[in-house]
Protein backbone atom coordinates (compact mmCIF):
# COMPACT_ATOMS: atom_id res chain seq x y z
CA PHE A 1 -146.42 -68.93 -57.78
CA ARG A 2 -144.25 -71.86 -56.66
CA TRP A 3 -141.13 -70.37 -58.39
CA LEU A 4 -141.63 -66.97 -56.19
CA ARG A 5 -141.15 -66.36 -52.49
CA VAL A 6 -141.34 -62.90 -51.10
CA SER A 7 -141.14 -62.40 -47.22
CA GLY A 8 -140.44 -59.52 -44.91
CA ASN A 9 -140.53 -58.05 -41.47
CA LEU A 10 -140.76 -54.61 -39.73
CA MET A 11 -140.08 -53.83 -36.33
CA ARG A 12 -141.14 -50.29 -34.83
CA SER A 13 -140.24 -49.26 -31.27
CA ARG A 14 -139.81 -46.49 -29.12
CA ASN A 15 -137.22 -47.14 -26.41
CA ARG A 16 -136.64 -44.04 -24.13
CA ILE A 17 -135.25 -43.75 -20.30
CA LYS A 18 -137.24 -41.86 -18.25
CA GLY A 19 -136.36 -38.18 -18.90
CA GLY A 20 -136.56 -38.37 -22.54
CA ALA A 21 -133.00 -39.79 -24.04
CA ASP A 22 -133.24 -42.68 -26.64
CA LEU A 23 -132.05 -45.82 -25.15
CA LEU A 24 -128.56 -46.79 -26.49
CA LEU A 25 -128.34 -49.00 -29.41
CA SER A 26 -132.06 -49.18 -29.98
CA PRO A 27 -133.00 -48.38 -33.29
CA GLU A 28 -136.68 -47.15 -33.95
CA LYS A 29 -136.99 -49.00 -37.26
CA VAL A 30 -135.72 -52.14 -38.64
CA ARG A 31 -137.05 -53.75 -41.80
CA ASN A 32 -135.98 -56.76 -43.63
CA THR A 33 -136.99 -57.69 -47.11
CA SER A 34 -136.21 -60.92 -49.14
CA VAL A 35 -137.19 -62.10 -52.61
CA THR A 36 -136.13 -65.67 -53.77
CA VAL A 37 -136.97 -66.95 -57.32
CA ARG A 38 -136.46 -70.58 -58.10
CA PRO A 39 -136.16 -70.84 -61.97
CA VAL A 40 -135.19 -74.32 -62.07
CA LYS A 41 -135.61 -77.24 -59.47
CA GLY A 42 -132.66 -76.81 -56.87
CA LEU A 43 -131.65 -73.15 -57.70
CA ASP A 44 -132.54 -70.25 -55.44
CA LEU A 45 -131.64 -66.87 -56.48
CA SER A 46 -132.19 -64.65 -53.55
CA TRP A 47 -132.23 -60.63 -52.93
CA ASN A 48 -132.16 -59.40 -49.25
CA THR A 49 -132.32 -55.91 -47.91
CA LYS A 50 -131.95 -55.08 -44.51
CA TYR A 51 -132.95 -51.38 -43.14
CA VAL A 52 -131.74 -50.15 -39.74
CA GLY A 53 -132.74 -46.84 -38.44
CA LYS A 54 -130.55 -44.25 -36.40
CA GLN A 55 -129.54 -45.17 -33.25
CA TYR A 56 -127.23 -43.84 -30.31
CA TRP A 57 -124.17 -45.46 -28.81
CA ASP A 58 -124.91 -43.97 -25.36
CA ASN A 59 -127.95 -42.75 -23.51
CA THR A 60 -127.02 -39.10 -23.96
CA GLY A 61 -129.28 -38.98 -27.14
CA SER A 62 -126.47 -36.48 -28.60
CA GLU A 63 -126.33 -36.20 -32.35
CA GLU A 64 -122.38 -36.69 -31.78
CA ARG A 65 -122.82 -40.10 -30.86
CA MET A 66 -125.41 -41.39 -33.32
CA ILE A 67 -125.12 -44.26 -35.98
CA PRO A 68 -126.84 -43.27 -39.02
CA ALA A 69 -129.37 -45.16 -40.56
CA TYR A 70 -128.10 -47.46 -43.08
CA ARG A 71 -129.43 -50.06 -45.71
CA VAL A 72 -127.44 -52.95 -47.15
CA SER A 73 -128.46 -55.40 -49.78
CA ASN A 74 -127.10 -59.04 -50.31
CA VAL A 75 -127.55 -61.49 -53.07
CA SER A 76 -127.10 -65.22 -53.26
CA ALA A 77 -127.39 -68.16 -55.69
CA ILE A 78 -127.79 -71.42 -54.03
CA TYR A 79 -127.96 -75.03 -55.89
CA GLU A 80 -128.90 -78.07 -54.15
CA PHE A 81 -128.63 -81.46 -55.92
CA GLU A 82 -128.34 -85.18 -55.16
CA ILE A 83 -125.43 -87.28 -56.25
CA ARG A 84 -126.50 -90.72 -57.82
CA ARG A 85 -125.38 -94.07 -55.42
CA MET A 86 -124.52 -91.50 -52.64
CA PRO A 87 -127.11 -90.80 -49.88
CA GLY A 88 -127.73 -86.93 -49.29
CA LYS A 89 -127.42 -83.58 -51.04
CA MET A 90 -124.80 -81.50 -52.18
CA THR A 91 -125.14 -77.90 -51.97
CA VAL A 92 -122.97 -75.24 -53.81
CA GLY A 93 -123.66 -71.33 -53.01
CA VAL A 94 -122.10 -67.92 -53.90
CA TYR A 95 -122.89 -64.71 -51.95
CA VAL A 96 -122.34 -61.42 -52.49
CA ASN A 97 -122.85 -59.24 -49.28
CA ASN A 98 -122.94 -55.66 -49.27
CA LEU A 99 -123.59 -55.54 -52.92
CA PHE A 100 -123.59 -51.76 -53.46
CA ASN A 101 -120.38 -51.44 -51.23
CA LYS A 102 -122.02 -49.25 -48.84
CA ASP A 103 -119.42 -47.69 -46.05
CA TYR A 104 -121.52 -48.14 -42.89
CA TYR A 105 -120.88 -48.99 -39.21
CA ALA A 106 -123.57 -51.18 -37.29
CA SER A 107 -122.33 -50.53 -33.74
CA ALA A 108 -120.18 -48.35 -31.34
CA TRP A 109 -119.06 -47.90 -27.98
CA VAL A 110 -118.18 -45.30 -25.65
CA TYR A 111 -116.07 -45.49 -22.53
CA ARG A 112 -116.08 -42.68 -19.56
CA ALA A 113 -114.25 -42.78 -16.37
CA GLN A 114 -113.75 -39.93 -13.74
CA MET A 115 -110.13 -39.52 -12.82
CA GLU A 116 -108.81 -38.99 -9.43
CA ASN A 117 -107.84 -35.53 -10.41
CA GLY A 118 -111.20 -34.66 -11.13
CA MET A 119 -110.77 -34.90 -15.03
CA THR A 120 -113.06 -37.03 -17.07
CA TYR A 121 -111.61 -39.93 -19.35
CA GLN A 122 -113.35 -41.12 -22.51
CA GLU A 123 -112.94 -43.20 -25.51
CA GLU A 124 -115.09 -43.97 -28.10
CA GLY A 125 -114.88 -46.32 -31.00
CA LEU A 126 -117.09 -47.58 -34.01
CA PHE A 127 -117.61 -50.91 -35.48
CA PRO A 128 -117.14 -50.62 -39.45
CA GLN A 129 -118.81 -53.13 -41.46
CA ALA A 130 -116.91 -55.14 -44.58
CA LEU A 131 -117.57 -53.44 -47.80
CA ARG A 132 -118.63 -55.66 -50.78
CA ASN A 133 -117.27 -59.03 -49.97
CA TYR A 134 -117.94 -62.56 -51.32
CA MET A 135 -118.36 -66.21 -49.94
CA PHE A 136 -118.86 -69.56 -51.64
CA LYS A 137 -120.27 -72.46 -49.64
CA LEU A 138 -119.82 -76.15 -50.81
CA GLY A 139 -121.88 -78.44 -48.50
CA TYR A 140 -122.74 -82.23 -48.39
CA SER A 141 -125.65 -83.38 -46.05
CA PHE A 142 -126.84 -86.92 -45.24
């Protein structure tokens, strides 16, 4: 069908440090799928979903420092058209990211230091991602 485009990819890997721990920020699975329909010339309606498996934010493999698996979906409507007596094309796009308002974080960090008095200092942080958000695009190419 000329009006339908389906694509996707899947990544599976096992990244381990000698001794057994999972390598930091290395999920075993990442999957992307995309479905785009073109009901009329110049209009693309798309649904994209990304899945990222659990991952650790340090090399200890500790469940306390694990980023849980997450799935996030985005939709978009993009219309491209020509303007009479002008070279090039106009593009108008509307994007809805994190369609289902998923509360998740995609990365994290940890900092550890050995203090002079023998104590260990540690800081940790998460990088939360935006909840449902919207973008509008207006473009002109020539």
